């Protein structure tokens, strides 16, 4: 979709009006307005006709927001996490990688917490049998997460 004079760019980065951004992100323009009003999104600049223009990095940010919503984070928690990640580095690649790692670790922590009641009911022989069926890296990861959560070792 082209917007003539309103189709703007910032150097090599394409800038999107709300409707185009919404279409690319597969969410409603109202959602983008809401996220902007909450401070989850920030327009890169305004056009001559005062349209908000968003960078392509906003698409990545929207993807993170939607993933965190699926992982049951509240919008306030998401905003706090995104603000925290923005303080780490302004380098897009580093920030993206760190935030992806942090999200993955938090997802793993939640999954281990869900397994915790089952693991605690295992008898020592059952736990040993279970660890032999897991890849060593998987067992080590579970044990490390349990230690981080303040629980005893896996076996």
C-alpha atoms as a PDB file:
ATOM      1  CA  UNK A   1       0.000   0.000   0.000  1.00  0.00           C
ATOM      2  CA  UNK A   2       1.494   3.361  -1.025  1.00  0.00           C
ATOM      3  CA  UNK A   3       0.641   6.684   0.525  1.00  0.00           C
ATOM      4  CA  UNK A   4       2.221   9.089  -1.939  1.00  0.00           C
ATOM      5  CA  UNK A   5       3.840  11.980  -0.081  1.00  0.00           C
ATOM      6  CA  UNK A   6       2.815  10.422   3.232  1.00  0.00           C
ATOM      7  CA  UNK A   7       4.829   7.264   2.447  1.00  0.00           C
ATOM      8  CA  UNK A   8       7.930   8.272   4.349  1.00  0.00           C
ATOM      9  CA  UNK A   9      11.220   6.776   5.246  1.00  0.00           C
ATOM     10  CA  UNK A  10      14.029   7.573   7.611  1.00  0.00           C
ATOM     11  CA  UNK A  11      17.271   6.802   5.799  1.00  0.00           C
ATOM     12  CA  UNK A  12      17.014   3.152   4.756  1.00  0.00           C
ATOM     13  CA  UNK A  13      14.249   2.471   7.294  1.00  0.00           C
ATOM     14  CA  UNK A  14      10.678   2.474   6.036  1.00  0.00           C
ATOM     15  CA  UNK A  15       8.177   4.245   8.234  1.00  0.00           C
ATOM     16  CA  UNK A  16       4.593   3.009   8.517  1.00  0.00           C
ATOM     17  CA  UNK A  17       1.358   4.806   9.246  1.00  0.00           C
ATOM     18  CA  UNK A  18      -0.899   3.088  11.771  1.00  0.00           C
ATOM     19  CA  UNK A  19      -3.105   1.321   9.198  1.00  0.00           C
ATOM     20  CA  UNK A  20      -0.162  -0.157   7.334  1.00  0.00           C
ATOM     21  CA  UNK A  21       1.580  -1.177  10.561  1.00  0.00           C
ATOM     22  CA  UNK A  22      -1.626  -2.797  11.828  1.00  0.00           C
ATOM     23  CA  UNK A  23      -1.996  -4.776   8.615  1.00  0.00           C
ATOM     24  CA  UNK A  24       1.625  -5.985   8.714  1.00  0.00           C
ATOM     25  CA  UNK A  25       1.361  -6.935  12.404  1.00  0.00           C
ATOM     26  CA  UNK A  26      -2.088  -8.501  11.953  1.00  0.00           C
ATOM     27  CA  UNK A  27      -3.628  -6.438  14.752  1.00  0.00           C
ATOM     28  CA  UNK A  28      -6.146  -3.613  14.761  1.00  0.00           C
ATOM     29  CA  UNK A  29      -5.236   0.068  14.433  1.00  0.00           C
ATOM     30  CA  UNK A  30      -7.092   0.613  17.722  1.00  0.00           C
ATOM     31  CA  UNK A  31      -4.668  -1.783  19.426  1.00  0.00           C
ATOM     32  CA  UNK A  32      -1.724   0.227  18.101  1.00  0.00           C
ATOM     33  CA  UNK A  33      -3.387   3.436  19.353  1.00  0.00           C
ATOM     34  CA  UNK A  34      -3.924   1.810  22.766  1.00  0.00           C
ATOM     35  CA  UNK A  35      -0.351   0.501  22.975  1.00  0.00           C
ATOM     36  CA  UNK A  36       0.933   3.958  21.996  1.00  0.00           C
ATOM     37  CA  UNK A  37      -1.187   5.658  24.666  1.00  0.00           C
ATOM     38  CA  UNK A  38       0.192   3.178  27.261  1.00  0.00           C
ATOM     39  CA  UNK A  39       3.760   3.858  26.211  1.00  0.00           C
ATOM     40  CA  UNK A  40       4.337   0.356  24.828  1.00  0.00           C
ATOM     41  CA  UNK A  41       4.937   1.830  21.368  1.00  0.00           C
ATOM     42  CA  UNK A  42       6.379   5.138  20.310  1.00  0.00           C
ATOM     43  CA  UNK A  43       6.134   6.704  16.861  1.00  0.00           C
ATOM     44  CA  UNK A  44       9.471   7.370  15.200  1.00  0.00           C
ATOM     45  CA  UNK A  45       8.245  10.753  13.963  1.00  0.00           C
ATOM     46  CA  UNK A  46       5.233  12.604  12.561  1.00  0.00           C
ATOM     47  CA  UNK A  47       4.487  13.275   8.912  1.00  0.00           C
ATOM     48  CA  UNK A  48       3.836  16.696   7.424  1.00  0.00           C
ATOM     49  CA  UNK A  49       0.109  16.021   7.905  1.00  0.00           C
ATOM     50  CA  UNK A  50       0.764  14.996  11.533  1.00  0.00           C
ATOM     51  CA  UNK A  51       0.299  11.241  11.021  1.00  0.00           C
ATOM     52  CA  UNK A  52       2.222   9.091  13.466  1.00  0.00           C
ATOM     53  CA  UNK A  53       4.919   7.133  11.652  1.00  0.00           C
ATOM     54  CA  UNK A  54       6.381   3.944  13.113  1.00  0.00           C
ATOM     55  CA  UNK A  55       9.665   2.243  12.205  1.00  0.00           C
ATOM     56  CA  UNK A  56      10.082  -1.373  11.175  1.00  0.00           C
ATOM     57  CA  UNK A  57      11.531  -2.038  14.647  1.00  0.00           C
ATOM     58  CA  UNK A  58       7.994  -1.448  15.939  1.00  0.00           C
ATOM     59  CA  UNK A  59       6.955  -4.668  14.169  1.00  0.00           C
ATOM     60  CA  UNK A  60       9.527  -6.580  16.238  1.00  0.00           C
ATOM     61  CA  UNK A  61       8.301  -4.861  19.385  1.00  0.00           C
ATOM     62  CA  UNK A  62       4.697  -5.808  18.553  1.00  0.00           C
ATOM     63  CA  UNK A  63       5.803  -9.414  18.066  1.00  0.00           C
ATOM     64  CA  UNK A  64       7.420  -9.374  21.529  1.00  0.00           C
ATOM     65  CA  UNK A  65       4.306  -7.832  23.075  1.00  0.00           C
ATOM     66  CA  UNK A  66       2.032 -10.464  21.530  1.00  0.00           C
ATOM     67  CA  UNK A  67       4.380 -13.273  22.645  1.00  0.00           C
ATOM     68  CA  UNK A  68       4.445 -11.955  26.200  1.00  0.00           C
ATOM     69  CA  UNK A  69       0.641 -11.669  26.198  1.00  0.00           C
ATOM     70  CA  UNK A  70       0.481 -15.339  25.173  1.00  0.00           C
ATOM     71  CA  UNK A  71       2.820 -16.101  28.070  1.00  0.00           C
ATOM     72  CA  UNK A  72       0.225 -14.489  30.390  1.00  0.00           C
ATOM     73  CA  UNK A  73       2.027 -11.222  31.159  1.00  0.00           C
ATOM     74  CA  UNK A  74      -0.146  -8.205  31.929  1.00  0.00           C
ATOM     75  CA  UNK A  75       0.311  -5.090  29.808  1.00  0.00           C
ATOM     76  CA  UNK A  76       1.866  -3.331  32.798  1.00  0.00           C
ATOM     77  CA  UNK A  77       4.392  -6.170  33.211  1.00  0.00           C
ATOM     78  CA  UNK A  78       5.122  -6.055  29.485  1.00  0.00           C
ATOM     79  CA  UNK A  79       5.733  -2.307  29.628  1.00  0.00           C
ATOM     80  CA  UNK A  80       8.096  -2.721  32.578  1.00  0.00           C
ATOM     81  CA  UNK A  81      10.044  -5.480  30.782  1.00  0.00           C
ATOM     82  CA  UNK A  82      10.278  -3.509  27.529  1.00  0.00           C
ATOM     83  CA  UNK A  83      11.453  -0.415  29.410  1.00  0.00           C
ATOM     84  CA  UNK A  84      14.033  -2.536  31.208  1.00  0.00           C
ATOM     85  CA  UNK A  85      15.291  -4.046  27.927  1.00  0.00           C
ATOM     86  CA  UNK A  86      15.559  -0.605  26.323  1.00  0.00           C
ATOM     87  CA  UNK A  87      17.943   0.470  29.081  1.00  0.00           C
ATOM     88  CA  UNK A  88      20.283  -2.446  28.344  1.00  0.00           C
ATOM     89  CA  UNK A  89      21.391  -1.234  24.913  1.00  0.00           C
ATOM     90  CA  UNK A  90      20.172   0.829  22.040  1.00  0.00           C
ATOM     91  CA  UNK A  91      21.719  -1.594  19.579  1.00  0.00           C
ATOM     92  CA  UNK A  92      18.720  -3.296  17.946  1.00  0.00           C
ATOM     93  CA  UNK A  93      20.375  -6.700  17.510  1.00  0.00           C
ATOM     94  CA  UNK A  94      21.772  -6.918  21.051  1.00  0.00           C
ATOM     95  CA  UNK A  95      18.531  -5.699  22.614  1.00  0.00           C
ATOM     96  CA  UNK A  96      16.467  -8.161  20.589  1.00  0.00           C
ATOM     97  CA  UNK A  97      18.719 -11.111  21.460  1.00  0.00           C
ATOM     98  CA  UNK A  98      18.813 -10.297  25.161  1.00  0.00           C
ATOM     99  CA  UNK A  99      15.056  -9.840  25.345  1.00  0.00           C
ATOM    100  CA  UNK A 100      14.493 -13.122  23.480  1.00  0.00           C
ATOM    101  CA  UNK A 101      16.810 -14.937  25.914  1.00  0.00           C
ATOM    102  CA  UNK A 102      15.102 -13.375  28.920  1.00  0.00           C
ATOM    103  CA  UNK A 103      11.658 -14.326  27.597  1.00  0.00           C
ATOM    104  CA  UNK A 104      12.838 -17.877  26.963  1.00  0.00           C
ATOM    105  CA  UNK A 105      14.305 -18.184  30.463  1.00  0.00           C
ATOM    106  CA  UNK A 106      11.103 -16.886  32.043  1.00  0.00           C
ATOM    107  CA  UNK A 107       9.054 -19.332  29.988  1.00  0.00           C
ATOM    108  CA  UNK A 108      11.318 -22.183  31.119  1.00  0.00           C
ATOM    109  CA  UNK A 109      10.992 -21.064  34.752  1.00  0.00           C
ATOM    110  CA  UNK A 110       7.207 -21.150  34.466  1.00  0.00           C
ATOM    111  CA  UNK A 111       7.294 -24.603  32.891  1.00  0.00           C
ATOM    112  CA  UNK A 112       9.568 -25.922  35.644  1.00  0.00           C
ATOM    113  CA  UNK A 113       7.237 -24.439  38.269  1.00  0.00           C
ATOM    114  CA  UNK A 114       4.363 -26.309  36.615  1.00  0.00           C
ATOM    115  CA  UNK A 115       6.375 -29.549  36.760  1.00  0.00           C
ATOM    116  CA  UNK A 116       7.566 -28.963  40.310  1.00  0.00           C
ATOM    117  CA  UNK A 117       4.655 -30.773  42.061  1.00  0.00           C
ATOM    118  CA  UNK A 118       5.145 -33.819  39.839  1.00  0.00           C
ATOM    119  CA  UNK A 119       8.910 -33.846  40.298  1.00  0.00           C
ATOM    120  CA  UNK A 120       8.601 -33.568  44.088  1.00  0.00           C
ATOM    121  CA  UNK A 121       6.359 -36.669  44.176  1.00  0.00           C
ATOM    122  CA  UNK A 122       8.908 -38.800  42.314  1.00  0.00           C
ATOM    123  CA  UNK A 123      10.717 -41.443  44.283  1.00  0.00           C
ATOM    124  CA  UNK A 124      14.539 -41.324  44.007  1.00  0.00           C
ATOM    125  CA  UNK A 125      14.597 -44.299  41.625  1.00  0.00           C
ATOM    126  CA  UNK A 126      11.929 -42.687  39.393  1.00  0.00           C
ATOM    127  CA  UNK A 127      13.871 -39.402  39.280  1.00  0.00           C
ATOM    128  CA  UNK A 128      17.048 -41.270  38.344  1.00  0.00           C
ATOM    129  CA  UNK A 129      15.201 -43.174  35.601  1.00  0.00           C
ATOM    130  CA  UNK A 130      13.730 -39.925  34.300  1.00  0.00           C
ATOM    131  CA  UNK A 131      17.128 -38.224  34.078  1.00  0.00           C
ATOM    132  CA  UNK A 132      18.565 -41.139  32.090  1.00  0.00           C
ATOM    133  CA  UNK A 133      15.778 -40.648  29.523  1.00  0.00           C
ATOM    134  CA  UNK A 134      16.525 -36.909  29.187  1.00  0.00           C
ATOM    135  CA  UNK A 135      19.415 -35.465  27.252  1.00  0.00           C
ATOM    136  CA  UNK A 136      22.144 -34.447  29.716  1.00  0.00           C
ATOM    137  CA  UNK A 137      21.741 -30.805  28.676  1.00  0.00           C
ATOM    138  CA  UNK A 138      18.011 -30.920  29.400  1.00  0.00           C
ATOM    139  CA  UNK A 139      18.504 -32.444  32.838  1.00  0.00           C
ATOM    140  CA  UNK A 140      21.216 -29.876  33.624  1.00  0.00           C
ATOM    141  CA  UNK A 141      18.932 -27.045  32.502  1.00  0.00           C
ATOM    142  CA  UNK A 142      16.063 -28.296  34.686  1.00  0.00           C
ATOM    143  CA  UNK A 143      18.397 -28.676  37.657  1.00  0.00           C
ATOM    144  CA  UNK A 144      19.822 -25.173  37.144  1.00  0.00           C
ATOM    145  CA  UNK A 145      16.340 -23.665  36.939  1.00  0.00           C
ATOM    146  CA  UNK A 146      15.225 -25.480  40.070  1.00  0.00           C
ATOM    147  CA  UNK A 147      18.287 -24.176  41.924  1.00  0.00           C
ATOM    148  CA  UNK A 148      17.547 -20.653  40.666  1.00  0.00           C
ATOM    149  CA  UNK A 149      13.994 -21.029  41.964  1.00  0.00           C
ATOM    150  CA  UNK A 150      15.370 -21.926  45.372  1.00  0.00           C
ATOM    151  CA  UNK A 151      14.542 -25.623  45.152  1.00  0.00           C
ATOM    152  CA  UNK A 152      16.868 -28.494  45.765  1.00  0.00           C
ATOM    153  CA  UNK A 153      18.661 -30.417  43.041  1.00  0.00           C
ATOM    154  CA  UNK A 154      16.631 -32.403  40.515  1.00  0.00           C
ATOM    155  CA  UNK A 155      17.955 -35.781  41.645  1.00  0.00           C
END
